[in-house]
Amino acid sequence: MKLSIHEINGKKIAEVTEERITISTLDEALDLLGDTYYQGFDKLILHEKNLCPDFFDLKTKLAGEILQKFSTYRVRLVIIGDFEKYQSNSLRDFIFESNKGKQVNFVNSLQEAINKLSN
């Protein structure tokens, strides 16, 4: 797995820089979570392209299962992407509610992601 490391205010942030889907199952998310946590990261940036389409279909429950693991292990996660293209009201509500907190956020750019995680 290709990772970039951002260090802001003495805090290390890992960014997955793969150009392909890296998470399509809960087990793959747990592997990523374990690998990055073992390397000393408790903040992670993913890109929309790293997540399978089922993640964004809330009926599959994949997003809920994965994000619950990140919350349980207290690893902050920011997902970068263009989420306006999704027509699902429930997904839009999910993103809106997630963005109210600090544990999991959805943003449009790398700079927004870094800003979120450096607080």
PDB file of N, CA and C in Angstrom:
ATOM      1  N   MET A   1       0.836  -1.175   0.000  1.00  0.00           N
ATOM      2  CA  MET A   1       0.000   0.000   0.000  1.00  0.00           C
ATOM      3  C   MET A   1       0.880   1.236   0.000  1.00  0.00           C
ATOM      4  N   LYS A   2       0.612   2.136  -0.930  1.00  0.00           N
ATOM      5  CA  LYS A   2       1.392   3.369  -1.013  1.00  0.00           C
ATOM      6  C   LYS A   2       0.789   4.416  -0.083  1.00  0.00           C
ATOM      7  N   LEU A   3       1.658   4.971   0.769  1.00  0.00           N
ATOM      8  CA  LEU A   3       1.244   6.010   1.694  1.00  0.00           C
ATOM      9  C   LEU A   3       2.141   7.229   1.535  1.00  0.00           C
ATOM     10  N   SER A   4       1.537   8.401   1.662  1.00  0.00           N
ATOM     11  CA  SER A   4       2.292   9.639   1.810  1.00  0.00           C
ATOM     12  C   SER A   4       2.129  10.065   3.256  1.00  0.00           C
ATOM     13  N   ILE A   5       3.151  10.717   3.767  1.00  0.00           N
ATOM     14  CA  ILE A   5       3.103  11.163   5.152  1.00  0.00           C
ATOM     15  C   ILE A   5       3.131  12.683   5.173  1.00  0.00           C
ATOM     16  N   HIS A   6       2.169  13.248   5.874  1.00  0.00           N
ATOM     17  CA  HIS A   6       2.109  14.696   6.065  1.00  0.00           C
ATOM     18  C   HIS A   6       2.388  14.942   7.545  1.00  0.00           C
ATOM     19  N   GLU A   7       3.294  15.855   7.831  1.00  0.00           N
ATOM     20  CA  GLU A   7       3.564  16.200   9.223  1.00  0.00           C
ATOM     21  C   GLU A   7       3.219  17.666   9.429  1.00  0.00           C
ATOM     22  N   ILE A   8       2.205  17.891  10.233  1.00  0.00           N
ATOM     23  CA  ILE A   8       1.698  19.233  10.489  1.00  0.00           C
ATOM     24  C   ILE A   8       1.678  19.452  11.998  1.00  0.00           C
ATOM     25  N   ASN A   9       2.329  20.494  12.449  1.00  0.00           N
ATOM     26  CA  ASN A   9       2.361  20.832  13.885  1.00  0.00           C
ATOM     27  C   ASN A   9       2.781  19.642  14.741  1.00  0.00           C
ATOM     28  N   GLY A  10       3.740  18.875  14.245  1.00  0.00           N
ATOM     29  CA  GLY A  10       4.233  17.726  14.994  1.00  0.00           C
ATOM     30  C   GLY A  10       3.325  16.508  14.952  1.00  0.00           C
ATOM     31  N   LYS A  11       2.242  16.577  14.180  1.00  0.00           N
ATOM     32  CA  LYS A  11       1.307  15.453  14.065  1.00  0.00           C
ATOM     33  C   LYS A  11       1.490  14.775  12.715  1.00  0.00           C
ATOM     34  N   LYS A  12       1.562  13.449  12.737  1.00  0.00           N
ATOM     35  CA  LYS A  12       1.735  12.680  11.502  1.00  0.00           C
ATOM     36  C   LYS A  12       0.379  12.238  10.970  1.00  0.00           C
ATOM     37  N   ILE A  13       0.185  12.461   9.680  1.00  0.00           N
ATOM     38  CA  ILE A  13      -1.042  12.077   8.991  1.00  0.00           C
ATOM     39  C   ILE A  13      -0.657  11.192   7.818  1.00  0.00           C
ATOM     40  N   ALA A  14      -1.286  10.031   7.700  1.00  0.00           N
ATOM     41  CA  ALA A  14      -1.037   9.131   6.571  1.00  0.00           C
ATOM     42  C   ALA A  14      -2.096   9.370   5.495  1.00  0.00           C
ATOM     43  N   GLU A  15      -1.647   9.366   4.251  1.00  0.00           N
ATOM     44  CA  GLU A  15      -2.560   9.494   3.111  1.00  0.00           C
ATOM     45  C   GLU A  15      -2.345   8.306   2.185  1.00  0.00           C
ATOM     46  N   VAL A  16      -3.407   7.582   1.901  1.00  0.00           N
ATOM     47  CA  VAL A  16      -3.330   6.486   0.935  1.00  0.00           C
ATOM     48  C   VAL A  16      -3.247   7.126  -0.440  1.00  0.00           C
ATOM     49  N   THR A  17      -2.208   6.760  -1.198  1.00  0.00           N
ATOM     50  CA  THR A  17      -1.981   7.375  -2.506  1.00  0.00           C
ATOM     51  C   THR A  17      -2.109   6.383  -3.654  1.00  0.00           C
ATOM     52  N   GLU A  18      -2.730   5.266  -3.394  1.00  0.00           N
ATOM     53  CA  GLU A  18      -2.991   4.285  -4.456  1.00  0.00           C
ATOM     54  C   GLU A  18      -3.956   4.885  -5.475  1.00  0.00           C
ATOM     55  N   GLU A  19      -3.820   4.498  -6.709  1.00  0.00           N
ATOM     56  CA  GLU A  19      -4.708   4.970  -7.768  1.00  0.00           C
ATOM     57  C   GLU A  19      -5.828   3.968  -8.056  1.00  0.00           C
ATOM     58  N   ARG A  20      -6.054   3.074  -7.137  1.00  0.00           N
ATOM     59  CA  ARG A  20      -7.050   2.019  -7.363  1.00  0.00           C
ATOM     60  C   ARG A  20      -7.878   1.825  -6.097  1.00  0.00           C
ATOM     61  N   ILE A  21      -8.907   0.992  -6.218  1.00  0.00           N
ATOM     62  CA  ILE A  21      -9.714   0.632  -5.053  1.00  0.00           C
ATOM     63  C   ILE A  21      -8.853  -0.205  -4.122  1.00  0.00           C
ATOM     64  N   THR A  22      -8.743   0.225  -2.883  1.00  0.00           N
ATOM     65  CA  THR A  22      -7.967  -0.525  -1.898  1.00  0.00           C
ATOM     66  C   THR A  22      -8.850  -1.097  -0.796  1.00  0.00           C
ATOM     67  N   ILE A  23     -10.076  -0.601  -0.713  1.00  0.00           N
ATOM     68  CA  ILE A  23     -10.999  -1.104   0.305  1.00  0.00           C
ATOM     69  C   ILE A  23     -12.320  -1.469  -0.358  1.00  0.00           C
ATOM     70  N   SER A  24     -12.595  -2.766  -0.365  1.00  0.00           N
ATOM     71  CA  SER A  24     -13.886  -3.226  -0.875  1.00  0.00           C
ATOM     72  C   SER A  24     -14.571  -4.159   0.122  1.00  0.00           C
ATOM     73  N   THR A  25     -13.891  -4.456   1.231  1.00  0.00           N
ATOM     74  CA  THR A  25     -14.473  -5.300   2.269  1.00  0.00           C
ATOM     75  C   THR A  25     -14.086  -4.751   3.643  1.00  0.00           C
ATOM     76  N   LEU A  26     -14.804  -5.188   4.648  1.00  0.00           N
ATOM     77  CA  LEU A  26     -14.473  -4.796   6.009  1.00  0.00           C
ATOM     78  C   LEU A  26     -13.085  -5.289   6.386  1.00  0.00           C
ATOM     79  N   ASP A  27     -12.718  -6.484   5.961  1.00  0.00           N
ATOM     80  CA  ASP A  27     -11.392  -7.023   6.275  1.00  0.00           C
ATOM     81  C   ASP A  27     -10.274  -6.167   5.687  1.00  0.00           C
ATOM     82  N   GLU A  28     -10.456  -5.678   4.469  1.00  0.00           N
ATOM     83  CA  GLU A  28      -9.444  -4.810   3.864  1.00  0.00           C
ATOM     84  C   GLU A  28      -9.320  -3.499   4.649  1.00  0.00           C
ATOM     85  N   ALA A  29     -10.440  -2.979   5.123  1.00  0.00           N
ATOM     86  CA  ALA A  29     -10.402  -1.764   5.940  1.00  0.00           C
ATOM     87  C   ALA A  29      -9.680  -2.028   7.253  1.00  0.00           C
ATOM     88  N   LEU A  30      -9.940  -3.183   7.863  1.00  0.00           N
ATOM     89  CA  LEU A  30      -9.266  -3.534   9.115  1.00  0.00           C
ATOM     90  C   LEU A  30      -7.768  -3.703   8.905  1.00  0.00           C
ATOM     91  N   ASP A  31      -7.380  -4.290   7.778  1.00  0.00           N
ATOM     92  CA  ASP A  31      -5.947  -4.430   7.459  1.00  0.00           C
ATOM     93  C   ASP A  31      -5.291  -3.052   7.347  1.00  0.00           C
ATOM     94  N   LEU A  32      -5.932  -2.137   6.638  1.00  0.00           N
ATOM     95  CA  LEU A  32      -5.395  -0.786   6.497  1.00  0.00           C
ATOM     96  C   LEU A  32      -5.327  -0.096   7.859  1.00  0.00           C
ATOM     97  N   LEU A  33      -6.368  -0.227   8.619  1.00  0.00           N
ATOM     98  CA  LEU A  33      -6.416   0.371   9.950  1.00  0.00           C
ATOM     99  C   LEU A  33      -5.285  -0.160  10.822  1.00  0.00           C
ATOM    100  N   GLY A  34      -5.099  -1.469  10.822  1.00  0.00           N
ATOM    101  CA  GLY A  34      -4.030  -2.080  11.618  1.00  0.00           C
ATOM    102  C   GLY A  34      -2.651  -1.680  11.141  1.00  0.00           C
ATOM    103  N   ASP A  35      -2.451  -1.695   9.825  1.00  0.00           N
ATOM    104  CA  ASP A  35      -1.138  -1.345   9.261  1.00  0.00           C
ATOM    105  C   ASP A  35      -0.747   0.089   9.601  1.00  0.00           C
ATOM    106  N   THR A  36      -1.674   1.013   9.413  1.00  0.00           N
ATOM    107  CA  THR A  36      -1.340   2.407   9.666  1.00  0.00           C
ATOM    108  C   THR A  36      -1.211   2.687  11.161  1.00  0.00           C
ATOM    109  N   TYR A  37      -2.054   2.074  11.963  1.00  0.00           N
ATOM    110  CA  TYR A  37      -1.974   2.273  13.411  1.00  0.00           C
ATOM    111  C   TYR A  37      -0.658   1.718  13.954  1.00  0.00           C
ATOM    112  N   TYR A  38      -0.244   0.555  13.421  1.00  0.00           N
ATOM    113  CA  TYR A  38       1.025  -0.067  13.829  1.00  0.00           C
ATOM    114  C   TYR A  38       2.210   0.844  13.504  1.00  0.00           C
ATOM    115  N   GLN A  39       2.077   1.619  12.428  1.00  0.00           N
ATOM    116  CA  GLN A  39       3.143   2.550  12.027  1.00  0.00           C
ATOM    117  C   GLN A  39       3.078   3.874  12.792  1.00  0.00           C
ATOM    118  N   GLY A  40       2.141   3.975  13.722  1.00  0.00           N
ATOM    119  CA  GLY A  40       2.072   5.152  14.573  1.00  0.00           C
ATOM    120  C   GLY A  40       1.139   6.251  14.103  1.00  0.00           C
ATOM    121  N   PHE A  41       0.256   5.936  13.171  1.00  0.00           N
ATOM    122  CA  PHE A  41      -0.683   6.936  12.672  1.00  0.00           C
ATOM    123  C   PHE A  41      -2.039   6.765  13.344  1.00  0.00           C
ATOM    124  N   ASP A  42      -2.622   7.874  13.785  1.00  0.00           N
ATOM    125  CA  ASP A  42      -3.999   7.823  14.264  1.00  0.00           C
ATOM    126  C   ASP A  42      -4.869   8.805  13.473  1.00  0.00           C
ATOM    127  N   LYS A  43      -4.327   9.237  12.320  1.00  0.00           N
ATOM    128  CA  LYS A  43      -5.054  10.095  11.397  1.00  0.00           C
ATOM    129  C   LYS A  43      -4.778   9.590   9.979  1.00  0.00           C
ATOM    130  N   LEU A  44      -5.851   9.433   9.204  1.00  0.00           N
ATOM    131  CA  LEU A  44      -5.723   8.823   7.885  1.00  0.00           C
ATOM    132  C   LEU A  44      -6.567   9.570   6.866  1.00  0.00           C
ATOM    133  N   ILE A  45      -5.996   9.738   5.680  1.00  0.00           N
ATOM    134  CA  ILE A  45      -6.712  10.324   4.543  1.00  0.00           C
ATOM    135  C   ILE A  45      -6.887   9.245   3.485  1.00  0.00           C
ATOM    136  N   LEU A  46      -8.110   9.079   3.046  1.00  0.00           N
ATOM    137  CA  LEU A  46      -8.446   8.191   1.932  1.00  0.00           C
ATOM    138  C   LEU A  46      -9.056   9.044   0.828  1.00  0.00           C
ATOM    139  N   HIS A  47      -8.989   8.541  -0.385  1.00  0.00           N
ATOM    140  CA  HIS A  47      -9.646   9.199  -1.509  1.00  0.00           C
ATOM    141  C   HIS A  47     -10.837   8.353  -1.926  1.00  0.00           C
ATOM    142  N   GLU A  48     -11.823   9.008  -2.460  1.00  0.00           N
ATOM    143  CA  GLU A  48     -13.029   8.332  -2.928  1.00  0.00           C
ATOM    144  C   GLU A  48     -12.674   7.160  -3.844  1.00  0.00           C
ATOM    145  N   LYS A  49     -11.673   7.338  -4.689  1.00  0.00           N
ATOM    146  CA  LYS A  49     -11.282   6.292  -5.640  1.00  0.00           C
ATOM    147  C   LYS A  49     -10.715   5.052  -4.952  1.00  0.00           C
ATOM    148  N   ASN A  50     -10.340   5.171  -3.676  1.00  0.00           N
ATOM    149  CA  ASN A  50      -9.813   4.025  -2.931  1.00  0.00           C
ATOM    150  C   ASN A  50     -10.915   3.162  -2.330  1.00  0.00           C
ATOM    151  N   LEU A  51     -12.148   3.614  -2.424  1.00  0.00           N
ATOM    152  CA  LEU A  51     -13.284   2.904  -1.834  1.00  0.00           C
ATOM    153  C   LEU A  51     -14.171   2.345  -2.937  1.00  0.00           C
ATOM    154  N   CYS A  52     -14.617   1.121  -2.754  1.00  0.00           N
ATOM    155  CA  CYS A  52     -15.482   0.500  -3.759  1.00  0.00           C
ATOM    156  C   CYS A  52     -16.829   1.221  -3.806  1.00  0.00           C
ATOM    157  N   PRO A  53     -17.533   1.142  -4.920  1.00  0.00           N
ATOM    158  CA  PRO A  53     -18.837   1.815  -5.035  1.00  0.00           C
ATOM    159  C   PRO A  53     -19.840   1.393  -3.955  1.00  0.00           C
ATOM    160  N   ASP A  54     -19.757   0.158  -3.480  1.00  0.00           N
ATOM    161  CA  ASP A  54     -20.685  -0.286  -2.433  1.00  0.00           C
ATOM    162  C   ASP A  54     -20.564   0.536  -1.156  1.00  0.00           C
ATOM    163  N   PHE A  55     -19.411   1.118  -0.910  1.00  0.00           N
ATOM    164  CA  PHE A  55     -19.234   1.959   0.269  1.00  0.00           C
ATOM    165  C   PHE A  55     -20.244   3.099   0.254  1.00  0.00           C
ATOM    166  N   PHE A  56     -20.519   3.651  -0.916  1.00  0.00           N
ATOM    167  CA  PHE A  56     -21.392   4.812  -1.049  1.00  0.00           C
ATOM    168  C   PHE A  56     -22.864   4.434  -1.234  1.00  0.00           C
ATOM    169  N   ASP A  57     -23.172   3.146  -1.190  1.00  0.00           N
ATOM    170  CA  ASP A  57     -24.553   2.660  -1.201  1.00  0.00           C
ATOM    171  C   ASP A  57     -24.857   2.207   0.225  1.00  0.00           C
ATOM    172  N   LEU A  58     -25.514   3.053   0.986  1.00  0.00           N
ATOM    173  CA  LEU A  58     -25.698   2.788   2.410  1.00  0.00           C
ATOM    174  C   LEU A  58     -26.493   1.513   2.686  1.00  0.00           C
ATOM    175  N   LYS A  59     -27.253   1.040   1.708  1.00  0.00           N
ATOM    176  CA  LYS A  59     -28.007  -0.210   1.904  1.00  0.00           C
ATOM    177  C   LYS A  59     -27.092  -1.410   2.124  1.00  0.00           C
ATOM    178  N   THR A  60     -25.860  -1.332   1.639  1.00  0.00           N
ATOM    179  CA  THR A  60     -24.927  -2.454   1.818  1.00  0.00           C
ATOM    180  C   THR A  60     -24.370  -2.503   3.233  1.00  0.00           C
ATOM    181  N   LYS A  61     -24.488  -1.407   3.965  1.00  0.00           N
ATOM    182  CA  LYS A  61     -23.993  -1.259   5.341  1.00  0.00           C
ATOM    183  C   LYS A  61     -22.466  -1.276   5.444  1.00  0.00           C
ATOM    184  N   LEU A  62     -21.777  -1.314   4.310  1.00  0.00           N
ATOM    185  CA  LEU A  62     -20.315  -1.355   4.322  1.00  0.00           C
ATOM    186  C   LEU A  62     -19.727  -0.085   4.939  1.00  0.00           C
ATOM    187  N   ALA A  63     -20.252   1.075   4.557  1.00  0.00           N
ATOM    188  CA  ALA A  63     -19.727   2.334   5.106  1.00  0.00           C
ATOM    189  C   ALA A  63     -19.882   2.358   6.619  1.00  0.00           C
ATOM    190  N   GLY A  64     -21.040   1.997   7.111  1.00  0.00           N
ATOM    191  CA  GLY A  64     -21.275   1.992   8.554  1.00  0.00           C
ATOM    192  C   GLY A  64     -20.344   1.055   9.296  1.00  0.00           C
ATOM    193  N   GLU A  65     -20.140  -0.131   8.747  1.00  0.00           N
ATOM    194  CA  GLU A  65     -19.256  -1.112   9.392  1.00  0.00           C
ATOM    195  C   GLU A  65     -17.811  -0.615   9.418  1.00  0.00           C
ATOM    196  N   ILE A  66     -17.359  -0.075   8.307  1.00  0.00           N
ATOM    197  CA  ILE A  66     -15.973   0.394   8.222  1.00  0.00           C
ATOM    198  C   ILE A  66     -15.751   1.604   9.126  1.00  0.00           C
ATOM    199  N   LEU A  67     -16.635   2.571   9.046  1.00  0.00           N
ATOM    200  CA  LEU A  67     -16.452   3.794   9.822  1.00  0.00           C
ATOM    201  C   LEU A  67     -16.593   3.525  11.318  1.00  0.00           C
ATOM    202  N   GLN A  68     -17.394   2.530  11.680  1.00  0.00           N
ATOM    203  CA  GLN A  68     -17.504   2.154  13.090  1.00  0.00           C
ATOM    204  C   GLN A  68     -16.161   1.634  13.614  1.00  0.00           C
ATOM    205  N   LYS A  69     -15.435   0.890  12.806  1.00  0.00           N
ATOM    206  CA  LYS A  69     -14.117   0.386  13.218  1.00  0.00           C
ATOM    207  C   LYS A  69     -13.141   1.542  13.427  1.00  0.00           C
ATOM    208  N   PHE A  70     -13.156   2.508  12.531  1.00  0.00           N
ATOM    209  CA  PHE A  70     -12.272   3.662  12.697  1.00  0.00           C
ATOM    210  C   PHE A  70     -12.617   4.405  13.984  1.00  0.00           C
ATOM    211  N   SER A  71     -13.905   4.525  14.273  1.00  0.00           N
ATOM    212  CA  SER A  71     -14.324   5.193  15.508  1.00  0.00           C
ATOM    213  C   SER A  71     -13.923   4.393  16.732  1.00  0.00           C
ATOM    214  N   THR A  72     -14.122   3.090  16.681  1.00  0.00           N
ATOM    215  CA  THR A  72     -13.792   2.224  17.818  1.00  0.00           C
ATOM    216  C   THR A  72     -12.313   2.321  18.161  1.00  0.00           C
ATOM    217  N   TYR A  73     -11.467   2.331  17.144  1.00  0.00           N
ATOM    218  CA  TYR A  73     -10.025   2.382  17.368  1.00  0.00           C
ATOM    219  C   TYR A  73      -9.497   3.814  17.437  1.00  0.00           C
ATOM    220  N   ARG A  74     -10.396   4.771  17.412  1.00  0.00           N
ATOM    221  CA  ARG A  74     -10.058   6.193  17.558  1.00  0.00           C
ATOM    222  C   ARG A  74      -9.028   6.674  16.534  1.00  0.00           C
ATOM    223  N   VAL A  75      -9.211   6.221  15.320  1.00  0.00           N
ATOM    224  CA  VAL A  75      -8.390   6.695  14.209  1.00  0.00           C
ATOM    225  C   VAL A  75      -9.258   7.659  13.407  1.00  0.00           C
ATOM    226  N   ARG A  76      -8.824   8.913  13.364  1.00  0.00           N
ATOM    227  CA  ARG A  76      -9.582   9.913  12.610  1.00  0.00           C
ATOM    228  C   ARG A  76      -9.389   9.671  11.122  1.00  0.00           C
ATOM    229  N   LEU A  77     -10.481   9.816  10.383  1.00  0.00           N
ATOM    230  CA  LEU A  77     -10.485   9.530   8.953  1.00  0.00           C
ATOM    231  C   LEU A  77     -11.116  10.683   8.198  1.00  0.00           C
ATOM    232  N   VAL A  78     -10.443  11.082   7.121  1.00  0.00           N
ATOM    233  CA  VAL A  78     -11.024  12.050   6.200  1.00  0.00           C
ATOM    234  C   VAL A  78     -11.005  11.416   4.816  1.00  0.00           C
ATOM    235  N   ILE A  79     -12.148  11.489   4.149  1.00  0.00           N
ATOM    236  CA  ILE A  79     -12.285  10.949   2.800  1.00  0.00           C
ATOM    237  C   ILE A  79     -12.435  12.129   1.848  1.00  0.00           C
ATOM    238  N   ILE A  80     -11.562  12.156   0.834  1.00  0.00           N
ATOM    239  CA  ILE A  80     -11.573  13.238  -0.158  1.00  0.00           C
ATOM    240  C   ILE A  80     -12.305  12.757  -1.401  1.00  0.00           C
ATOM    241  N   GLY A  81     -13.211  13.590  -1.904  1.00  0.00           N
ATOM    242  CA  GLY A  81     -13.887  13.225  -3.135  1.00  0.00           C
ATOM    243  C   GLY A  81     -14.908  14.255  -3.556  1.00  0.00           C
ATOM    244  N   ASP A  82     -15.572  13.946  -4.650  1.00  0.00           N
ATOM    245  CA  ASP A  82     -16.671  14.774  -5.153  1.00  0.00           C
ATOM    246  C   ASP A  82     -17.958  14.037  -4.810  1.00  0.00           C
ATOM    247  N   PHE A  83     -18.558  14.391  -3.701  1.00  0.00           N
ATOM    248  CA  PHE A  83     -19.709  13.648  -3.196  1.00  0.00           C
ATOM    249  C   PHE A  83     -21.030  14.211  -3.697  1.00  0.00           C
ATOM    250  N   GLU A  84     -20.983  15.335  -4.397  1.00  0.00           N
ATOM    251  CA  GLU A  84     -22.199  15.935  -4.939  1.00  0.00           C
ATOM    252  C   GLU A  84     -22.829  15.059  -6.024  1.00  0.00           C
ATOM    253  N   LYS A  85     -22.036  14.204  -6.640  1.00  0.00           N
ATOM    254  CA  LYS A  85     -22.562  13.387  -7.735  1.00  0.00           C
ATOM    255  C   LYS A  85     -23.496  12.283  -7.256  1.00  0.00           C
ATOM    256  N   TYR A  86     -23.461  11.980  -5.970  1.00  0.00           N
ATOM    257  CA  TYR A  86     -24.336  10.933  -5.437  1.00  0.00           C
ATOM    258  C   TYR A  86     -25.718  11.514  -5.180  1.00  0.00           C
ATOM    259  N   GLN A  87     -26.711  10.844  -5.719  1.00  0.00           N
ATOM    260  CA  GLN A  87     -28.079  11.343  -5.651  1.00  0.00           C
ATOM    261  C   GLN A  87     -28.835  10.898  -4.397  1.00  0.00           C
ATOM    262  N   SER A  88     -28.270   9.983  -3.652  1.00  0.00           N
ATOM    263  CA  SER A  88     -28.942   9.427  -2.482  1.00  0.00           C
ATOM    264  C   SER A  88     -29.064  10.462  -1.363  1.00  0.00           C
ATOM    265  N   ASN A  89     -30.306  10.742  -0.965  1.00  0.00           N
ATOM    266  CA  ASN A  89     -30.524  11.674   0.147  1.00  0.00           C
ATOM    267  C   ASN A  89     -29.962  11.115   1.440  1.00  0.00           C
ATOM    268  N   SER A  90     -30.077   9.807   1.630  1.00  0.00           N
ATOM    269  CA  SER A  90     -29.565   9.220   2.867  1.00  0.00           C
ATOM    270  C   SER A  90     -28.044   9.333   2.932  1.00  0.00           C
ATOM    271  N   LEU A  91     -27.360   9.182   1.800  1.00  0.00           N
ATOM    272  CA  LEU A  91     -25.906   9.346   1.786  1.00  0.00           C
ATOM    273  C   LEU A  91     -25.538  10.806   2.053  1.00  0.00           C
ATOM    274  N   ARG A  92     -26.246  11.724   1.458  1.00  0.00           N
ATOM    275  CA  ARG A  92     -25.979  13.148   1.700  1.00  0.00           C
ATOM    276  C   ARG A  92     -26.184  13.494   3.175  1.00  0.00           C
ATOM    277  N   ASP A  93     -27.252  12.946   3.768  1.00  0.00           N
ATOM    278  CA  ASP A  93     -27.504  13.172   5.201  1.00  0.00           C
ATOM    279  C   ASP A  93     -26.391  12.558   6.046  1.00  0.00           C
ATOM    280  N   PHE A  94     -25.955  11.373   5.653  1.00  0.00           N
ATOM    281  CA  PHE A  94     -24.876  10.672   6.364  1.00  0.00           C
ATOM    282  C   PHE A  94     -23.597  11.512   6.346  1.00  0.00           C
ATOM    283  N   ILE A  95     -23.256  12.043   5.188  1.00  0.00           N
ATOM    284  CA  ILE A  95     -22.063  12.879   5.051  1.00  0.00           C
ATOM    285  C   ILE A  95     -22.225  14.155   5.876  1.00  0.00           C
ATOM    286  N   PHE A  96     -23.391  14.769   5.808  1.00  0.00           N
ATOM    287  CA  PHE A  96     -23.648  15.995   6.567  1.00  0.00           C
ATOM    288  C   PHE A  96     -23.475  15.750   8.065  1.00  0.00           C
ATOM    289  N   GLU A  97     -24.045  14.667   8.569  1.00  0.00           N
ATOM    290  CA  GLU A  97     -23.941  14.349   9.993  1.00  0.00           C
ATOM    291  C   GLU A  97     -22.503  14.001  10.380  1.00  0.00           C
ATOM    292  N   SER A  98     -21.811  13.256   9.532  1.00  0.00           N
ATOM    293  CA  SER A  98     -20.414  12.913   9.808  1.00  0.00           C
ATOM    294  C   SER A  98     -19.564  14.166   9.910  1.00  0.00           C
ATOM    295  N   ASN A  99     -19.820  15.114   9.048  1.00  0.00           N
ATOM    296  CA  ASN A  99     -19.020  16.343   9.012  1.00  0.00           C
ATOM    297  C   ASN A  99     -19.263  17.259  10.206  1.00  0.00           C
ATOM    298  N   LYS A 100     -20.294  16.992  10.977  1.00  0.00           N
ATOM    299  CA  LYS A 100     -20.532  17.764  12.196  1.00  0.00           C
ATOM    300  C   LYS A 100     -19.529  17.390  13.289  1.00  0.00           C
ATOM    301  N   GLY A 101     -19.003  16.168  13.221  1.00  0.00           N
ATOM    302  CA  GLY A 101     -18.062  15.693  14.227  1.00  0.00           C
ATOM    303  C   GLY A 101     -16.633  15.789  13.739  1.00  0.00           C
ATOM    304  N   LYS A 102     -15.740  15.144  14.478  1.00  0.00           N
ATOM    305  CA  LYS A 102     -14.319  15.169  14.124  1.00  0.00           C
ATOM    306  C   LYS A 102     -13.783  13.793  13.746  1.00  0.00           C
ATOM    307  N   GLN A 103     -14.527  12.732  14.010  1.00  0.00           N
ATOM    308  CA  GLN A 103     -13.998  11.383  13.819  1.00  0.00           C
ATOM    309  C   GLN A 103     -13.873  11.007  12.341  1.00  0.00           C
ATOM    310  N   VAL A 104     -14.928  11.261  11.578  1.00  0.00           N
ATOM    311  CA  VAL A 104     -14.953  10.938  10.148  1.00  0.00           C
ATOM    312  C   VAL A 104     -15.503  12.149   9.410  1.00  0.00           C
ATOM    313  N   ASN A 105     -14.754  12.608   8.411  1.00  0.00           N
ATOM    314  CA  ASN A 105     -15.189  13.756   7.627  1.00  0.00           C
ATOM    315  C   ASN A 105     -15.046  13.467   6.145  1.00  0.00           C
ATOM    316  N   PHE A 106     -15.881  14.133   5.373  1.00  0.00           N
ATOM    317  CA  PHE A 106     -15.852  14.049   3.915  1.00  0.00           C
ATOM    318  C   PHE A 106     -15.567  15.455   3.393  1.00  0.00           C
ATOM    319  N   VAL A 107     -14.513  15.600   2.593  1.00  0.00           N
ATOM    320  CA  VAL A 107     -14.100  16.914   2.091  1.00  0.00           C
ATOM    321  C   VAL A 107     -13.800  16.830   0.597  1.00  0.00           C
ATOM    322  N   ASN A 108     -13.539  18.000   0.004  1.00  0.00           N
ATOM    323  CA  ASN A 108     -13.310  18.069  -1.445  1.00  0.00           C
ATOM    324  C   ASN A 108     -11.848  18.107  -1.857  1.00  0.00           C
ATOM    325  N   SER A 109     -10.933  18.409  -0.923  1.00  0.00           N
ATOM    326  CA  SER A 109      -9.543  18.588  -1.337  1.00  0.00           C
ATOM    327  C   SER A 109      -8.572  18.096  -0.265  1.00  0.00           C
ATOM    328  N   LEU A 110      -7.351  17.872  -0.693  1.00  0.00           N
ATOM    329  CA  LEU A 110      -6.299  17.455   0.227  1.00  0.00           C
ATOM    330  C   LEU A 110      -6.049  18.523   1.281  1.00  0.00           C
ATOM    331  N   GLN A 111      -6.058  19.787   0.882  1.00  0.00           N
ATOM    332  CA  GLN A 111      -5.811  20.854   1.858  1.00  0.00           C
ATOM    333  C   GLN A 111      -6.900  20.879   2.932  1.00  0.00           C
ATOM    334  N   GLU A 112      -8.151  20.675   2.535  1.00  0.00           N
ATOM    335  CA  GLU A 112      -9.233  20.601   3.526  1.00  0.00           C
ATOM    336  C   GLU A 112      -9.021  19.422   4.480  1.00  0.00           C
ATOM    337  N   ALA A 113      -8.585  18.304   3.932  1.00  0.00           N
ATOM    338  CA  ALA A 113      -8.341  17.103   4.751  1.00  0.00           C
ATOM    339  C   ALA A 113      -7.253  17.364   5.778  1.00  0.00           C
ATOM    340  N   ILE A 114      -6.164  17.953   5.326  1.00  0.00           N
ATOM    341  CA  ILE A 114      -5.056  18.249   6.239  1.00  0.00           C
ATOM    342  C   ILE A 114      -5.497  19.240   7.314  1.00  0.00           C
ATOM    343  N   ASN A 115      -6.265  20.241   6.918  1.00  0.00           N
ATOM    344  CA  ASN A 115      -6.768  21.214   7.888  1.00  0.00           C
ATOM    345  C   ASN A 115      -7.636  20.537   8.938  1.00  0.00           C
ATOM    346  N   LYS A 116      -8.523  19.647   8.516  1.00  0.00           N
ATOM    347  CA  LYS A 116      -9.387  18.933   9.456  1.00  0.00           C
ATOM    348  C   LYS A 116      -8.576  18.116  10.451  1.00  0.00           C
ATOM    349  N   LEU A 117      -7.578  17.417   9.937  1.00  0.00           N
ATOM    350  CA  LEU A 117      -6.816  16.493  10.791  1.00  0.00           C
ATOM    351  C   LEU A 117      -5.729  17.172  11.598  1.00  0.00           C
ATOM    352  N   SER A 118      -5.393  18.404  11.280  1.00  0.00           N
ATOM    353  CA  SER A 118      -4.350  19.068  12.053  1.00  0.00           C
ATOM    354  C   SER A 118      -4.909  19.803  13.267  1.00  0.00           C
ATOM    355  N   ASN A 119      -6.209  19.794  13.432  1.00  0.00           N
ATOM    356  CA  ASN A 119      -6.839  20.410  14.612  1.00  0.00           C
ATOM    357  C   ASN A 119      -6.937  19.427  15.744  1.00  0.00           C
TER     358      ASN A 119
END
